[in-house]
N, C-alpha and C. Protein backbone atom coordinates (compact mmCIF):
# COMPACT_ATOMS: atom_id res chain seq x y z
N MET A 1 -9.17 -11.07 4.45
CA MET A 1 -9.25 -9.67 4.84
C MET A 1 -8.39 -9.49 6.09
N ASN A 2 -7.48 -8.53 6.05
CA ASN A 2 -6.59 -8.31 7.19
C ASN A 2 -7.19 -7.30 8.17
N ILE A 3 -6.51 -7.08 9.30
CA ILE A 3 -7.02 -6.21 10.37
C ILE A 3 -7.25 -4.77 9.90
N PRO A 4 -6.30 -4.14 9.17
CA PRO A 4 -6.58 -2.78 8.71
C PRO A 4 -7.82 -2.69 7.82
N ASN A 5 -8.02 -3.70 6.96
CA ASN A 5 -9.21 -3.68 6.10
C ASN A 5 -10.50 -3.88 6.90
N ILE A 6 -10.42 -4.67 7.97
CA ILE A 6 -11.58 -4.84 8.86
C ILE A 6 -11.91 -3.51 9.54
N LEU A 7 -10.87 -2.80 9.98
CA LEU A 7 -11.10 -1.48 10.61
C LEU A 7 -11.73 -0.50 9.62
N THR A 8 -11.29 -0.55 8.37
CA THR A 8 -11.89 0.30 7.34
C THR A 8 -13.37 -0.06 7.15
N THR A 9 -13.67 -1.34 7.13
CA THR A 9 -15.06 -1.80 6.99
C THR A 9 -15.90 -1.32 8.17
N ILE A 10 -15.34 -1.39 9.37
CA ILE A 10 -16.05 -0.89 10.56
C ILE A 10 -16.37 0.59 10.38
N ARG A 11 -15.43 1.36 9.82
CA ARG A 11 -15.65 2.79 9.61
C ARG A 11 -16.83 3.02 8.66
N PHE A 12 -16.94 2.20 7.62
CA PHE A 12 -18.10 2.30 6.72
C PHE A 12 -19.39 2.04 7.51
N LEU A 13 -19.37 1.05 8.38
CA LEU A 13 -20.57 0.68 9.14
C LEU A 13 -20.93 1.74 10.18
N LEU A 14 -19.96 2.53 10.62
CA LEU A 14 -20.22 3.57 11.62
C LEU A 14 -20.98 4.76 11.04
N VAL A 15 -20.97 4.91 9.73
CA VAL A 15 -21.64 6.06 9.11
C VAL A 15 -23.14 6.08 9.45
N PRO A 16 -23.90 5.01 9.16
CA PRO A 16 -25.33 5.07 9.52
C PRO A 16 -25.56 5.11 11.03
N VAL A 17 -24.64 4.54 11.80
CA VAL A 17 -24.77 4.59 13.26
C VAL A 17 -24.65 6.04 13.74
N PHE A 18 -23.71 6.78 13.16
CA PHE A 18 -23.57 8.20 13.50
C PHE A 18 -24.87 8.95 13.20
N VAL A 19 -25.39 8.74 12.00
CA VAL A 19 -26.63 9.44 11.58
C VAL A 19 -27.77 9.11 12.53
N TYR A 20 -27.91 7.84 12.87
CA TYR A 20 -28.99 7.41 13.77
C TYR A 20 -28.92 8.17 15.09
N PHE A 21 -27.75 8.17 15.72
CA PHE A 21 -27.63 8.83 17.02
C PHE A 21 -27.69 10.35 16.92
N PHE A 22 -27.13 10.92 15.85
CA PHE A 22 -27.14 12.37 15.70
C PHE A 22 -28.57 12.90 15.66
N PHE A 23 -29.45 12.18 14.96
CA PHE A 23 -30.83 12.64 14.82
C PHE A 23 -31.80 12.00 15.82
N SER A 24 -31.28 11.21 16.74
CA SER A 24 -32.16 10.54 17.71
C SER A 24 -32.67 11.55 18.75
N ASP A 25 -33.68 11.13 19.48
CA ASP A 25 -34.25 11.96 20.53
C ASP A 25 -33.59 11.74 21.88
N LEU A 26 -32.51 10.97 21.89
CA LEU A 26 -31.81 10.72 23.15
C LEU A 26 -31.28 12.02 23.73
N GLU A 27 -31.23 12.08 25.05
CA GLU A 27 -30.78 13.29 25.73
C GLU A 27 -29.34 13.67 25.33
N ASN A 28 -28.47 12.71 25.18
CA ASN A 28 -27.06 12.95 24.85
C ASN A 28 -26.73 12.57 23.41
N SER A 29 -27.65 12.79 22.51
CA SER A 29 -27.46 12.33 21.13
C SER A 29 -26.21 12.94 20.48
N TYR A 30 -25.95 14.22 20.71
CA TYR A 30 -24.77 14.84 20.11
C TYR A 30 -23.49 14.26 20.71
N PHE A 31 -23.51 14.04 22.02
CA PHE A 31 -22.33 13.48 22.68
C PHE A 31 -22.05 12.07 22.15
N ILE A 32 -23.09 11.25 22.04
CA ILE A 32 -22.92 9.88 21.54
C ILE A 32 -22.42 9.90 20.10
N SER A 33 -22.99 10.78 19.27
CA SER A 33 -22.54 10.86 17.88
C SER A 33 -21.10 11.35 17.81
N ALA A 34 -20.70 12.23 18.72
CA ALA A 34 -19.31 12.69 18.76
C ALA A 34 -18.38 11.53 19.12
N ILE A 35 -18.79 10.69 20.06
CA ILE A 35 -18.00 9.51 20.44
C ILE A 35 -17.85 8.57 19.22
N ILE A 36 -18.92 8.39 18.48
CA ILE A 36 -18.86 7.54 17.28
C ILE A 36 -17.90 8.15 16.27
N PHE A 37 -17.95 9.46 16.10
CA PHE A 37 -17.05 10.16 15.18
C PHE A 37 -15.60 10.00 15.63
N ILE A 38 -15.35 10.14 16.93
CA ILE A 38 -14.00 9.95 17.47
C ILE A 38 -13.54 8.51 17.24
N PHE A 39 -14.42 7.56 17.51
CA PHE A 39 -14.08 6.15 17.30
C PHE A 39 -13.72 5.89 15.84
N ALA A 40 -14.46 6.50 14.92
CA ALA A 40 -14.14 6.35 13.50
C ALA A 40 -12.75 6.91 13.21
N GLY A 41 -12.43 8.05 13.81
CA GLY A 41 -11.10 8.64 13.63
C GLY A 41 -10.01 7.75 14.19
N VAL A 42 -10.27 7.12 15.34
CA VAL A 42 -9.30 6.22 15.95
C VAL A 42 -9.07 5.00 15.05
N THR A 43 -10.15 4.45 14.49
CA THR A 43 -9.98 3.30 13.59
C THR A 43 -9.18 3.70 12.35
N ASP A 44 -9.34 4.94 11.91
CA ASP A 44 -8.56 5.43 10.77
C ASP A 44 -7.07 5.44 11.10
N VAL A 45 -6.74 6.00 12.26
CA VAL A 45 -5.33 6.06 12.67
C VAL A 45 -4.78 4.65 12.87
N LEU A 46 -5.57 3.80 13.54
CA LEU A 46 -5.11 2.43 13.80
C LEU A 46 -4.89 1.62 12.53
N ASP A 47 -5.83 1.71 11.60
CA ASP A 47 -5.66 0.88 10.40
C ASP A 47 -4.42 1.30 9.61
N GLY A 48 -4.16 2.59 9.56
CA GLY A 48 -2.94 3.05 8.87
C GLY A 48 -1.68 2.62 9.59
N TYR A 49 -1.69 2.75 10.92
CA TYR A 49 -0.53 2.36 11.72
C TYR A 49 -0.25 0.86 11.59
N ILE A 50 -1.29 0.05 11.78
CA ILE A 50 -1.13 -1.40 11.70
C ILE A 50 -0.69 -1.82 10.30
N ALA A 51 -1.29 -1.22 9.27
CA ALA A 51 -0.94 -1.58 7.89
C ALA A 51 0.54 -1.31 7.62
N ARG A 52 1.03 -0.15 8.08
CA ARG A 52 2.45 0.17 7.84
C ARG A 52 3.37 -0.64 8.74
N LYS A 53 3.03 -0.74 10.01
CA LYS A 53 3.90 -1.42 10.99
C LYS A 53 4.01 -2.91 10.71
N CYS A 54 2.91 -3.54 10.32
CA CYS A 54 2.89 -5.00 10.10
C CYS A 54 2.94 -5.38 8.63
N ASN A 55 3.27 -4.41 7.78
CA ASN A 55 3.36 -4.64 6.34
C ASN A 55 2.08 -5.29 5.78
N MET A 56 0.94 -4.70 6.12
CA MET A 56 -0.36 -5.19 5.66
C MET A 56 -1.03 -4.22 4.69
N ILE A 57 -0.23 -3.44 4.00
CA ILE A 57 -0.78 -2.47 3.06
C ILE A 57 -1.28 -3.21 1.83
N THR A 58 -2.53 -2.93 1.46
CA THR A 58 -3.12 -3.56 0.27
C THR A 58 -3.67 -2.47 -0.64
N LYS A 59 -3.81 -2.79 -1.91
CA LYS A 59 -4.43 -1.84 -2.83
C LYS A 59 -5.86 -1.56 -2.40
N TRP A 60 -6.54 -2.60 -1.94
CA TRP A 60 -7.92 -2.45 -1.46
C TRP A 60 -7.96 -1.42 -0.34
N GLY A 61 -7.04 -1.55 0.62
CA GLY A 61 -6.99 -0.62 1.74
C GLY A 61 -6.64 0.79 1.31
N LYS A 62 -5.68 0.91 0.39
CA LYS A 62 -5.28 2.25 -0.07
C LYS A 62 -6.43 2.94 -0.78
N LEU A 63 -7.29 2.17 -1.41
CA LEU A 63 -8.41 2.75 -2.14
C LEU A 63 -9.61 3.01 -1.22
N LEU A 64 -9.96 2.02 -0.39
CA LEU A 64 -11.18 2.14 0.41
C LEU A 64 -11.00 2.89 1.72
N ASP A 65 -9.79 2.92 2.27
CA ASP A 65 -9.56 3.66 3.51
C ASP A 65 -9.93 5.14 3.36
N PRO A 66 -9.38 5.83 2.34
CA PRO A 66 -9.78 7.24 2.19
C PRO A 66 -11.26 7.40 1.85
N LEU A 67 -11.83 6.42 1.14
CA LEU A 67 -13.25 6.49 0.81
C LEU A 67 -14.11 6.42 2.08
N ALA A 68 -13.72 5.55 3.01
CA ALA A 68 -14.45 5.44 4.28
C ALA A 68 -14.35 6.75 5.06
N ASP A 69 -13.15 7.34 5.05
CA ASP A 69 -12.97 8.62 5.73
C ASP A 69 -13.85 9.70 5.13
N LYS A 70 -13.83 9.79 3.81
CA LYS A 70 -14.60 10.83 3.12
C LYS A 70 -16.09 10.64 3.34
N LEU A 71 -16.53 9.39 3.31
CA LEU A 71 -17.96 9.12 3.52
C LEU A 71 -18.38 9.57 4.92
N MET A 72 -17.56 9.26 5.92
CA MET A 72 -17.88 9.68 7.29
C MET A 72 -17.87 11.21 7.38
N GLN A 73 -16.84 11.84 6.84
CA GLN A 73 -16.73 13.29 6.92
C GLN A 73 -17.89 13.98 6.21
N LEU A 74 -18.23 13.51 5.02
CA LEU A 74 -19.34 14.12 4.28
C LEU A 74 -20.67 13.92 5.01
N THR A 75 -20.85 12.74 5.58
CA THR A 75 -22.08 12.48 6.33
C THR A 75 -22.20 13.42 7.51
N VAL A 76 -21.11 13.58 8.24
CA VAL A 76 -21.12 14.46 9.41
C VAL A 76 -21.40 15.90 8.99
N ILE A 77 -20.75 16.36 7.95
CA ILE A 77 -20.94 17.75 7.51
C ILE A 77 -22.37 17.96 6.99
N PHE A 78 -22.94 16.96 6.31
CA PHE A 78 -24.34 17.05 5.88
C PHE A 78 -25.26 17.16 7.09
N CYS A 79 -25.02 16.32 8.10
CA CYS A 79 -25.86 16.36 9.31
C CYS A 79 -25.76 17.71 10.01
N LEU A 80 -24.54 18.21 10.15
CA LEU A 80 -24.35 19.51 10.82
C LEU A 80 -24.98 20.64 10.02
N THR A 81 -24.88 20.57 8.72
CA THR A 81 -25.50 21.60 7.87
C THR A 81 -27.01 21.54 7.98
N TYR A 82 -27.54 20.33 7.96
CA TYR A 82 -28.99 20.14 8.07
C TYR A 82 -29.52 20.73 9.38
N ARG A 83 -28.77 20.58 10.44
CA ARG A 83 -29.17 21.12 11.74
C ARG A 83 -28.83 22.60 11.90
N GLY A 84 -28.21 23.19 10.89
CA GLY A 84 -27.90 24.61 10.94
C GLY A 84 -26.67 24.94 11.77
N LEU A 85 -25.83 23.95 12.04
CA LEU A 85 -24.63 24.17 12.84
C LEU A 85 -23.42 24.57 12.00
N VAL A 86 -23.50 24.33 10.72
CA VAL A 86 -22.41 24.65 9.78
C VAL A 86 -23.04 25.37 8.59
N PRO A 87 -22.39 26.43 8.10
CA PRO A 87 -22.96 27.15 6.95
C PRO A 87 -22.98 26.29 5.68
N LEU A 88 -23.95 26.57 4.84
CA LEU A 88 -24.17 25.80 3.62
C LEU A 88 -22.99 25.85 2.66
N TRP A 89 -22.28 26.98 2.60
CA TRP A 89 -21.16 27.09 1.67
C TRP A 89 -20.09 26.05 1.95
N ALA A 90 -19.93 25.66 3.22
CA ALA A 90 -18.89 24.68 3.59
C ALA A 90 -19.14 23.34 2.91
N ILE A 91 -20.40 22.93 2.88
CA ILE A 91 -20.69 21.63 2.29
C ILE A 91 -20.45 21.63 0.78
N TYR A 92 -20.73 22.75 0.13
CA TYR A 92 -20.48 22.82 -1.32
C TYR A 92 -18.99 22.71 -1.62
N ILE A 93 -18.18 23.40 -0.85
CA ILE A 93 -16.73 23.35 -1.07
C ILE A 93 -16.19 21.96 -0.78
N ILE A 94 -16.58 21.39 0.35
CA ILE A 94 -16.09 20.07 0.74
C ILE A 94 -16.55 19.01 -0.25
N LEU A 95 -17.80 19.05 -0.64
CA LEU A 95 -18.34 18.06 -1.58
C LEU A 95 -17.63 18.16 -2.93
N THR A 96 -17.43 19.37 -3.43
CA THR A 96 -16.73 19.54 -4.70
C THR A 96 -15.32 19.01 -4.62
N LYS A 97 -14.63 19.35 -3.54
CA LYS A 97 -13.24 18.87 -3.35
C LYS A 97 -13.19 17.36 -3.31
N GLU A 98 -14.10 16.75 -2.57
CA GLU A 98 -14.07 15.29 -2.42
C GLU A 98 -14.41 14.58 -3.73
N ILE A 99 -15.36 15.11 -4.48
CA ILE A 99 -15.69 14.51 -5.77
C ILE A 99 -14.49 14.57 -6.70
N LEU A 100 -13.81 15.71 -6.73
CA LEU A 100 -12.62 15.84 -7.58
C LEU A 100 -11.50 14.93 -7.10
N MET A 101 -11.35 14.78 -5.79
CA MET A 101 -10.32 13.87 -5.26
C MET A 101 -10.61 12.42 -5.65
N VAL A 102 -11.87 12.02 -5.56
CA VAL A 102 -12.24 10.65 -5.92
C VAL A 102 -12.01 10.42 -7.41
N LEU A 103 -12.41 11.38 -8.23
CA LEU A 103 -12.19 11.24 -9.68
C LEU A 103 -10.70 11.15 -10.00
N GLY A 104 -9.89 11.97 -9.36
CA GLY A 104 -8.44 11.91 -9.56
C GLY A 104 -7.88 10.57 -9.13
N SER A 105 -8.35 10.06 -8.01
CA SER A 105 -7.89 8.75 -7.53
C SER A 105 -8.27 7.64 -8.50
N ILE A 106 -9.47 7.72 -9.05
CA ILE A 106 -9.91 6.71 -10.02
C ILE A 106 -9.02 6.76 -11.26
N LEU A 107 -8.73 7.96 -11.73
CA LEU A 107 -7.86 8.08 -12.92
C LEU A 107 -6.48 7.51 -12.66
N LEU A 108 -5.94 7.76 -11.48
CA LEU A 108 -4.62 7.21 -11.15
C LEU A 108 -4.70 5.70 -10.94
N TYR A 109 -5.74 5.23 -10.27
CA TYR A 109 -5.89 3.81 -9.99
C TYR A 109 -6.04 3.03 -11.30
N ARG A 110 -6.70 3.64 -12.26
CA ARG A 110 -6.88 3.01 -13.57
C ARG A 110 -5.53 2.71 -14.22
N ASP A 111 -4.56 3.56 -13.97
CA ASP A 111 -3.20 3.36 -14.48
C ASP A 111 -2.35 2.58 -13.46
N GLU A 112 -3.03 1.95 -12.49
CA GLU A 112 -2.37 1.17 -11.44
C GLU A 112 -1.42 2.01 -10.59
N ILE A 113 -1.79 3.26 -10.38
CA ILE A 113 -1.03 4.17 -9.51
C ILE A 113 -1.90 4.46 -8.31
N VAL A 114 -1.38 4.14 -7.13
CA VAL A 114 -2.10 4.43 -5.89
C VAL A 114 -1.25 5.42 -5.11
N VAL A 115 -1.84 6.56 -4.77
CA VAL A 115 -1.13 7.61 -4.05
C VAL A 115 -1.51 7.54 -2.58
N SER A 116 -0.51 7.49 -1.74
CA SER A 116 -0.75 7.46 -0.29
C SER A 116 -1.02 8.87 0.22
N ALA A 117 -1.58 8.92 1.42
CA ALA A 117 -1.87 10.20 2.06
C ALA A 117 -0.56 10.92 2.38
N THR A 118 -0.63 12.23 2.42
CA THR A 118 0.53 13.06 2.72
C THR A 118 0.32 13.76 4.06
N TRP A 119 1.34 14.42 4.56
CA TRP A 119 1.24 15.11 5.85
C TRP A 119 0.19 16.21 5.79
N TYR A 120 0.10 16.93 4.65
CA TYR A 120 -0.87 18.02 4.58
C TYR A 120 -2.30 17.49 4.47
N GLY A 121 -2.47 16.34 3.86
CA GLY A 121 -3.79 15.71 3.84
C GLY A 121 -4.21 15.24 5.22
N LYS A 122 -3.23 14.66 5.94
CA LYS A 122 -3.51 14.21 7.30
C LYS A 122 -3.79 15.39 8.22
N ALA A 123 -3.02 16.46 8.06
CA ALA A 123 -3.23 17.66 8.88
C ALA A 123 -4.61 18.25 8.63
N ALA A 124 -5.04 18.28 7.37
CA ALA A 124 -6.37 18.79 7.04
C ALA A 124 -7.45 17.92 7.68
N THR A 125 -7.24 16.61 7.69
CA THR A 125 -8.20 15.70 8.32
C THR A 125 -8.27 15.95 9.82
N VAL A 126 -7.13 16.11 10.47
CA VAL A 126 -7.10 16.38 11.91
C VAL A 126 -7.83 17.69 12.22
N LEU A 127 -7.56 18.73 11.43
CA LEU A 127 -8.24 20.01 11.65
C LEU A 127 -9.74 19.88 11.44
N PHE A 128 -10.13 19.09 10.45
CA PHE A 128 -11.56 18.85 10.20
C PHE A 128 -12.19 18.17 11.42
N TYR A 129 -11.54 17.11 11.91
CA TYR A 129 -12.07 16.39 13.07
C TYR A 129 -12.19 17.32 14.29
N LEU A 130 -11.16 18.11 14.53
CA LEU A 130 -11.19 19.03 15.69
C LEU A 130 -12.31 20.06 15.55
N ALA A 131 -12.47 20.61 14.36
CA ALA A 131 -13.53 21.60 14.14
C ALA A 131 -14.90 20.97 14.34
N ILE A 132 -15.10 19.79 13.79
CA ILE A 132 -16.39 19.12 13.90
C ILE A 132 -16.69 18.78 15.36
N LEU A 133 -15.69 18.25 16.06
CA LEU A 133 -15.91 17.91 17.46
C LEU A 133 -16.23 19.15 18.29
N ALA A 134 -15.54 20.23 18.03
CA ALA A 134 -15.82 21.48 18.76
C ALA A 134 -17.25 21.95 18.48
N ILE A 135 -17.67 21.86 17.25
CA ILE A 135 -19.02 22.30 16.88
C ILE A 135 -20.08 21.41 17.52
N ILE A 136 -19.83 20.09 17.53
CA ILE A 136 -20.81 19.16 18.11
C ILE A 136 -20.85 19.26 19.63
N LEU A 137 -19.68 19.30 20.26
CA LEU A 137 -19.62 19.18 21.72
C LEU A 137 -19.73 20.50 22.47
N LEU A 138 -19.26 21.57 21.86
CA LEU A 138 -19.27 22.86 22.54
C LEU A 138 -20.45 23.68 22.07
N ASP A 139 -20.89 24.54 22.91
CA ASP A 139 -22.00 25.41 22.54
C ASP A 139 -21.41 26.64 21.83
N THR A 140 -21.03 26.43 20.57
CA THR A 140 -20.37 27.51 19.82
C THR A 140 -21.41 28.42 19.19
N SER A 141 -21.02 29.67 19.04
CA SER A 141 -21.90 30.61 18.34
C SER A 141 -21.78 30.35 16.84
N ASP A 142 -22.68 30.95 16.08
CA ASP A 142 -22.61 30.81 14.62
C ASP A 142 -21.28 31.31 14.08
N MET A 143 -20.80 32.42 14.65
CA MET A 143 -19.54 32.99 14.19
C MET A 143 -18.37 32.06 14.51
N GLN A 144 -18.37 31.47 15.70
CA GLN A 144 -17.30 30.53 16.06
C GLN A 144 -17.35 29.29 15.19
N SER A 145 -18.53 28.76 14.95
CA SER A 145 -18.67 27.59 14.09
C SER A 145 -18.18 27.89 12.68
N THR A 146 -18.55 29.06 12.17
CA THR A 146 -18.11 29.45 10.83
C THR A 146 -16.59 29.58 10.79
N PHE A 147 -16.01 30.16 11.82
CA PHE A 147 -14.55 30.30 11.89
C PHE A 147 -13.88 28.93 11.91
N LEU A 148 -14.36 28.03 12.78
CA LEU A 148 -13.78 26.70 12.90
C LEU A 148 -13.88 25.91 11.60
N ILE A 149 -15.06 25.93 11.01
CA ILE A 149 -15.24 25.17 9.77
C ILE A 149 -14.47 25.85 8.63
N GLY A 150 -14.31 27.17 8.70
CA GLY A 150 -13.51 27.88 7.70
C GLY A 150 -12.06 27.45 7.72
N ILE A 151 -11.51 27.27 8.92
CA ILE A 151 -10.13 26.78 9.04
C ILE A 151 -10.02 25.36 8.48
N ALA A 152 -10.98 24.52 8.83
CA ALA A 152 -10.97 23.14 8.35
C ALA A 152 -11.10 23.08 6.83
N VAL A 153 -12.02 23.85 6.28
CA VAL A 153 -12.22 23.87 4.83
C VAL A 153 -10.99 24.46 4.14
N GLY A 154 -10.43 25.53 4.70
CA GLY A 154 -9.24 26.13 4.12
C GLY A 154 -8.07 25.17 4.06
N SER A 155 -7.86 24.40 5.14
CA SER A 155 -6.77 23.42 5.13
C SER A 155 -7.07 22.30 4.13
N GLY A 156 -8.34 21.94 4.00
CA GLY A 156 -8.71 20.92 3.01
C GLY A 156 -8.48 21.40 1.58
N VAL A 157 -8.78 22.66 1.33
CA VAL A 157 -8.55 23.23 0.00
C VAL A 157 -7.05 23.28 -0.29
N PHE A 158 -6.25 23.66 0.72
CA PHE A 158 -4.80 23.67 0.55
C PHE A 158 -4.31 22.27 0.19
N ALA A 159 -4.78 21.25 0.93
CA ALA A 159 -4.39 19.86 0.64
C ALA A 159 -4.82 19.47 -0.77
N PHE A 160 -6.02 19.90 -1.17
CA PHE A 160 -6.50 19.58 -2.52
C PHE A 160 -5.60 20.19 -3.59
N VAL A 161 -5.21 21.44 -3.40
CA VAL A 161 -4.32 22.09 -4.37
C VAL A 161 -3.00 21.33 -4.46
N ARG A 162 -2.46 20.94 -3.32
CA ARG A 162 -1.20 20.18 -3.31
C ARG A 162 -1.38 18.83 -4.00
N TYR A 163 -2.49 18.13 -3.71
CA TYR A 163 -2.76 16.85 -4.37
C TYR A 163 -2.93 17.05 -5.87
N SER A 164 -3.58 18.13 -6.27
CA SER A 164 -3.79 18.40 -7.70
C SER A 164 -2.46 18.59 -8.41
N LEU A 165 -1.56 19.34 -7.79
CA LEU A 165 -0.24 19.53 -8.40
C LEU A 165 0.51 18.21 -8.46
N ASN A 166 0.39 17.40 -7.43
CA ASN A 166 1.01 16.08 -7.40
C ASN A 166 0.39 15.18 -8.47
N PHE A 167 -0.93 15.24 -8.62
CA PHE A 167 -1.64 14.46 -9.64
C PHE A 167 -1.12 14.80 -11.03
N LYS A 168 -1.00 16.09 -11.30
CA LYS A 168 -0.54 16.54 -12.61
C LYS A 168 0.88 16.01 -12.88
N GLN A 169 1.72 16.09 -11.88
CA GLN A 169 3.10 15.61 -12.02
C GLN A 169 3.14 14.09 -12.23
N ILE A 170 2.35 13.36 -11.48
CA ILE A 170 2.32 11.90 -11.61
C ILE A 170 1.81 11.50 -12.99
N LYS A 171 0.72 12.12 -13.43
CA LYS A 171 0.17 11.78 -14.75
C LYS A 171 1.17 12.10 -15.86
N PHE A 172 1.85 13.26 -15.76
CA PHE A 172 2.85 13.63 -16.76
C PHE A 172 3.99 12.63 -16.75
N SER A 173 4.49 12.28 -15.59
CA SER A 173 5.59 11.34 -15.45
C SER A 173 5.20 9.97 -15.98
N HIS A 174 3.98 9.52 -15.65
CA HIS A 174 3.51 8.21 -16.12
C HIS A 174 3.38 8.19 -17.64
N LYS A 175 2.82 9.26 -18.19
CA LYS A 175 2.67 9.34 -19.65
C LYS A 175 4.04 9.39 -20.33
N HIS A 176 4.97 10.15 -19.75
CA HIS A 176 6.32 10.26 -20.30
C HIS A 176 7.01 8.89 -20.27
N ASN A 177 6.92 8.18 -19.14
CA ASN A 177 7.53 6.86 -19.02
C ASN A 177 6.89 5.86 -19.98
N PHE A 178 5.58 5.95 -20.17
CA PHE A 178 4.86 5.07 -21.09
C PHE A 178 5.34 5.31 -22.52
N ASN A 179 5.46 6.60 -22.89
CA ASN A 179 5.93 6.94 -24.25
C ASN A 179 7.36 6.47 -24.47
N MET A 180 8.22 6.61 -23.46
CA MET A 180 9.62 6.17 -23.58
C MET A 180 9.69 4.66 -23.73
N ALA A 181 8.84 3.93 -23.01
CA ALA A 181 8.82 2.47 -23.11
C ALA A 181 8.37 2.05 -24.50
N ASN A 182 7.38 2.75 -25.04
CA ASN A 182 6.90 2.41 -26.39
C ASN A 182 7.98 2.68 -27.45
N ARG A 183 8.73 3.76 -27.29
CA ARG A 183 9.81 4.05 -28.24
C ARG A 183 10.90 2.99 -28.17
N SER A 184 11.20 2.54 -26.97
CA SER A 184 12.22 1.49 -26.79
C SER A 184 11.79 0.20 -27.46
N GLU A 185 10.49 -0.13 -27.32
CA GLU A 185 9.94 -1.35 -27.94
C GLU A 185 10.03 -1.25 -29.46
N LYS A 186 9.70 -0.10 -30.00
CA LYS A 186 9.73 0.08 -31.46
C LYS A 186 11.14 0.01 -32.01
N ASN A 187 12.13 0.46 -31.24
CA ASN A 187 13.52 0.47 -31.70
C ASN A 187 14.17 -0.90 -31.63
N LYS A 188 13.54 -1.87 -31.01
CA LYS A 188 14.14 -3.22 -30.89
C LYS A 188 14.06 -3.99 -32.17
């Protein structure tokens, strides 16, 4: 297991730690949980940077890195919704998007196609992190929280639409290439 994969594993382990501190009776529980969330984000950036810089990209990392991110993000949004800090509609949209993204990734991975993150996916993640941190750390009103999470969800939906179009193109191209290879084999 290389360093980026270890960082991804740490991110998986931070999920229950976040939940524990978020719901704890400690005086600074929200602040501590925000620090854990930030640390998870830093490990995400680091594992991607190290993997690319040191040529440590693995299929395992390409598959589990986004899964660790999604698990952390969904956990945080569930916790915030449970505490009434984020509207319920946000979790339905985010959960639906993430389930569809995972299913699409599985379909592509089954054909041995692994799609890397794009700038719009990364931008949506950054906006999500900023919105969540603002909601946790600042004393935002319901309207401000709804606005912040609306921007984050909107950017996530935009990224999903772009990924969906990319998915359709990749599947069509893969199927076309597969059919062409089969025709070549038959003509031999």
